Amino acid sequence: MAEISRLPMPTADNWEWQFEGACRNYPAEMFFHPEGERGPSRRKRIIEAKAICASCPVLVQCRDHALAVQEPYGIWGGLSEDERAELISRSSRMAI
């Protein structure tokens, strides 16, 4: 579960960027894996989701949000779950 204590207060200004997301025109299943998805089908879905993110006008805001709240699921800001976990881990090690 995402750590919600790090989420910004629910004001329109903090969340308005989501209305501009390229992902809004696609089903959520493209960005969040179904139960038990593995191997080639998972890699294919991740590649397709990242291709949508690559042209997104709010990619940076999305990525920053996902890293700030340590979003555990889905493709956010062009990063997979594993890529975000690695960045967060690396950042934690550097802070020590």
C-alpha atoms as a PDB file:
ATOM      1  CA  MET A   1       0.000   0.000   0.000  1.00  0.00           C
ATOM      2  CA  ALA A   2       1.260   3.521  -0.788  1.00  0.00           C
ATOM      3  CA  GLU A   3       2.472   5.599   2.139  1.00  0.00           C
ATOM      4  CA  ILE A   4      -0.310   8.199   2.159  1.00  0.00           C
ATOM      5  CA  SER A   5       1.167  10.401   4.895  1.00  0.00           C
ATOM      6  CA  ARG A   6       3.524  11.798   2.243  1.00  0.00           C
ATOM      7  CA  LEU A   7       0.671  12.707  -0.112  1.00  0.00           C
ATOM      8  CA  PRO A   8      -0.020  16.396  -0.604  1.00  0.00           C
ATOM      9  CA  MET A   9      -3.197  17.848   0.836  1.00  0.00           C
ATOM     10  CA  PRO A  10      -6.169  17.254  -1.488  1.00  0.00           C
ATOM     11  CA  THR A  11      -6.305  20.534  -3.340  1.00  0.00           C
ATOM     12  CA  ALA A  12      -7.040  20.963  -7.027  1.00  0.00           C
ATOM     13  CA  ASP A  13      -3.673  22.635  -7.638  1.00  0.00           C
ATOM     14  CA  ASN A  14      -1.766  19.580  -6.395  1.00  0.00           C
ATOM     15  CA  TRP A  15      -3.690  17.091  -8.524  1.00  0.00           C
ATOM     16  CA  GLU A  16      -4.664  19.080 -11.611  1.00  0.00           C
ATOM     17  CA  TRP A  17      -1.717  17.706 -13.599  1.00  0.00           C
ATOM     18  CA  GLN A  18      -3.485  14.335 -13.708  1.00  0.00           C
ATOM     19  CA  PHE A  19      -6.117  15.749 -16.068  1.00  0.00           C
ATOM     20  CA  GLU A  20      -3.350  16.184 -18.669  1.00  0.00           C
ATOM     21  CA  GLY A  21      -1.967  12.643 -18.401  1.00  0.00           C
ATOM     22  CA  ALA A  22      -1.736  10.686 -21.643  1.00  0.00           C
ATOM     23  CA  CYS A  23      -2.808   7.601 -19.700  1.00  0.00           C
ATOM     24  CA  ARG A  24      -6.303   9.013 -19.135  1.00  0.00           C
ATOM     25  CA  ASN A  25      -7.265   7.785 -22.602  1.00  0.00           C
ATOM     26  CA  TYR A  26      -6.289   4.167 -21.887  1.00  0.00           C
ATOM     27  CA  PRO A  27      -7.597   1.433 -19.599  1.00  0.00           C
ATOM     28  CA  ALA A  28      -5.906   1.173 -16.199  1.00  0.00           C
ATOM     29  CA  GLU A  29      -4.978  -2.435 -17.009  1.00  0.00           C
ATOM     30  CA  MET A  30      -2.294  -1.112 -19.342  1.00  0.00           C
ATOM     31  CA  PHE A  31      -0.473   0.451 -16.389  1.00  0.00           C
ATOM     32  CA  PHE A  32      -1.258  -1.988 -13.561  1.00  0.00           C
ATOM     33  CA  HIS A  33      -0.501  -5.691 -13.879  1.00  0.00           C
ATOM     34  CA  PRO A  34      -3.226  -8.257 -13.438  1.00  0.00           C
ATOM     35  CA  GLU A  35      -2.868 -10.981 -10.806  1.00  0.00           C
ATOM     36  CA  GLY A  36      -0.227 -13.517 -11.780  1.00  0.00           C
ATOM     37  CA  GLU A  37       1.070 -11.704 -14.868  1.00  0.00           C
ATOM     38  CA  ARG A  38       4.610 -12.871 -15.649  1.00  0.00           C
ATOM     39  CA  GLY A  39       7.235 -13.132 -18.352  1.00  0.00           C
ATOM     40  CA  PRO A  40       6.767 -11.921 -21.914  1.00  0.00           C
ATOM     41  CA  SER A  41       3.203 -10.661 -21.425  1.00  0.00           C
ATOM     42  CA  ARG A  42       4.276  -8.509 -18.479  1.00  0.00           C
ATOM     43  CA  ARG A  43       7.306  -7.132 -20.338  1.00  0.00           C
ATOM     44  CA  LYS A  44       5.128  -6.342 -23.371  1.00  0.00           C
ATOM     45  CA  ARG A  45       2.567  -4.482 -21.247  1.00  0.00           C
ATOM     46  CA  ILE A  46       5.302  -2.485 -19.499  1.00  0.00           C
ATOM     47  CA  ILE A  47       6.890  -1.506 -22.832  1.00  0.00           C
ATOM     48  CA  GLU A  48       3.511  -0.401 -24.197  1.00  0.00           C
ATOM     49  CA  ALA A  49       2.714   1.623 -21.073  1.00  0.00           C
ATOM     50  CA  LYS A  50       6.129   3.298 -21.124  1.00  0.00           C
ATOM     51  CA  ALA A  51       5.598   4.244 -24.782  1.00  0.00           C
ATOM     52  CA  ILE A  52       2.463   6.128 -23.762  1.00  0.00           C
ATOM     53  CA  CYS A  53       4.338   7.795 -20.906  1.00  0.00           C
ATOM     54  CA  ALA A  54       7.147   8.867 -23.241  1.00  0.00           C
ATOM     55  CA  SER A  55       4.886  11.372 -24.979  1.00  0.00           C
ATOM     56  CA  CYS A  56       3.022  12.480 -21.854  1.00  0.00           C
ATOM     57  CA  PRO A  57       3.061  16.222 -21.087  1.00  0.00           C
ATOM     58  CA  VAL A  58       3.020  15.576 -17.313  1.00  0.00           C
ATOM     59  CA  LEU A  59       5.602  12.790 -17.162  1.00  0.00           C
ATOM     60  CA  VAL A  60       7.809  14.657 -14.673  1.00  0.00           C
ATOM     61  CA  GLN A  61       4.937  15.510 -12.308  1.00  0.00           C
ATOM     62  CA  CYS A  62       3.718  11.902 -12.455  1.00  0.00           C
ATOM     63  CA  ARG A  63       7.181  10.493 -11.772  1.00  0.00           C
ATOM     64  CA  ASP A  64       7.815  12.945  -8.935  1.00  0.00           C
ATOM     65  CA  HIS A  65       4.482  12.050  -7.356  1.00  0.00           C
ATOM     66  CA  ALA A  66       5.112   8.294  -7.572  1.00  0.00           C
ATOM     67  CA  LEU A  67       8.575   8.612  -6.062  1.00  0.00           C
ATOM     68  CA  ALA A  68       7.414  10.984  -3.311  1.00  0.00           C
ATOM     69  CA  VAL A  69       4.650   8.660  -2.098  1.00  0.00           C
ATOM     70  CA  GLN A  70       6.624   5.501  -2.946  1.00  0.00           C
ATOM     71  CA  GLU A  71       3.808   4.219  -5.148  1.00  0.00           C
ATOM     72  CA  PRO A  72       4.198   0.423  -5.058  1.00  0.00           C
ATOM     73  CA  TYR A  73       2.102  -0.553  -8.091  1.00  0.00           C
ATOM     74  CA  GLY A  74       1.896   0.245 -11.770  1.00  0.00           C
ATOM     75  CA  ILE A  75       3.743   2.333 -14.314  1.00  0.00           C
ATOM     76  CA  TRP A  76       4.046   5.949 -13.173  1.00  0.00           C
ATOM     77  CA  GLY A  77       6.031   8.631 -14.951  1.00  0.00           C
ATOM     78  CA  GLY A  78       7.526   6.081 -17.313  1.00  0.00           C
ATOM     79  CA  LEU A  79       8.967   3.977 -14.482  1.00  0.00           C
ATOM     80  CA  SER A  80       8.026   0.433 -13.566  1.00  0.00           C
ATOM     81  CA  GLU A  81       7.545  -0.765 -10.001  1.00  0.00           C
ATOM     82  CA  ASP A  82      11.055  -2.266  -9.990  1.00  0.00           C
ATOM     83  CA  GLU A  83      12.659   0.885 -11.413  1.00  0.00           C
ATOM     84  CA  ARG A  84      10.998   3.081  -8.788  1.00  0.00           C
ATOM     85  CA  ALA A  85      12.018   0.710  -6.005  1.00  0.00           C
ATOM     86  CA  GLU A  86      15.617   0.830  -7.222  1.00  0.00           C
ATOM     87  CA  LEU A  87      15.641   4.654  -7.355  1.00  0.00           C
ATOM     88  CA  ILE A  88      14.124   4.888  -3.876  1.00  0.00           C
ATOM     89  CA  SER A  89      16.600   2.351  -2.511  1.00  0.00           C
ATOM     90  CA  ARG A  90      19.536   4.132  -4.145  1.00  0.00           C
ATOM     91  CA  SER A  91      18.334   7.464  -2.777  1.00  0.00           C
ATOM     92  CA  SER A  92      18.026   5.990   0.727  1.00  0.00           C
ATOM     93  CA  ARG A  93      21.549   4.566   0.585  1.00  0.00           C
ATOM     94  CA  MET A  94      22.958   7.934  -0.517  1.00  0.00           C
ATOM     95  CA  ALA A  95      21.215   9.700   2.367  1.00  0.00           C
ATOM     96  CA  ILE A  96      23.013   7.553   4.940  1.00  0.00           C
END
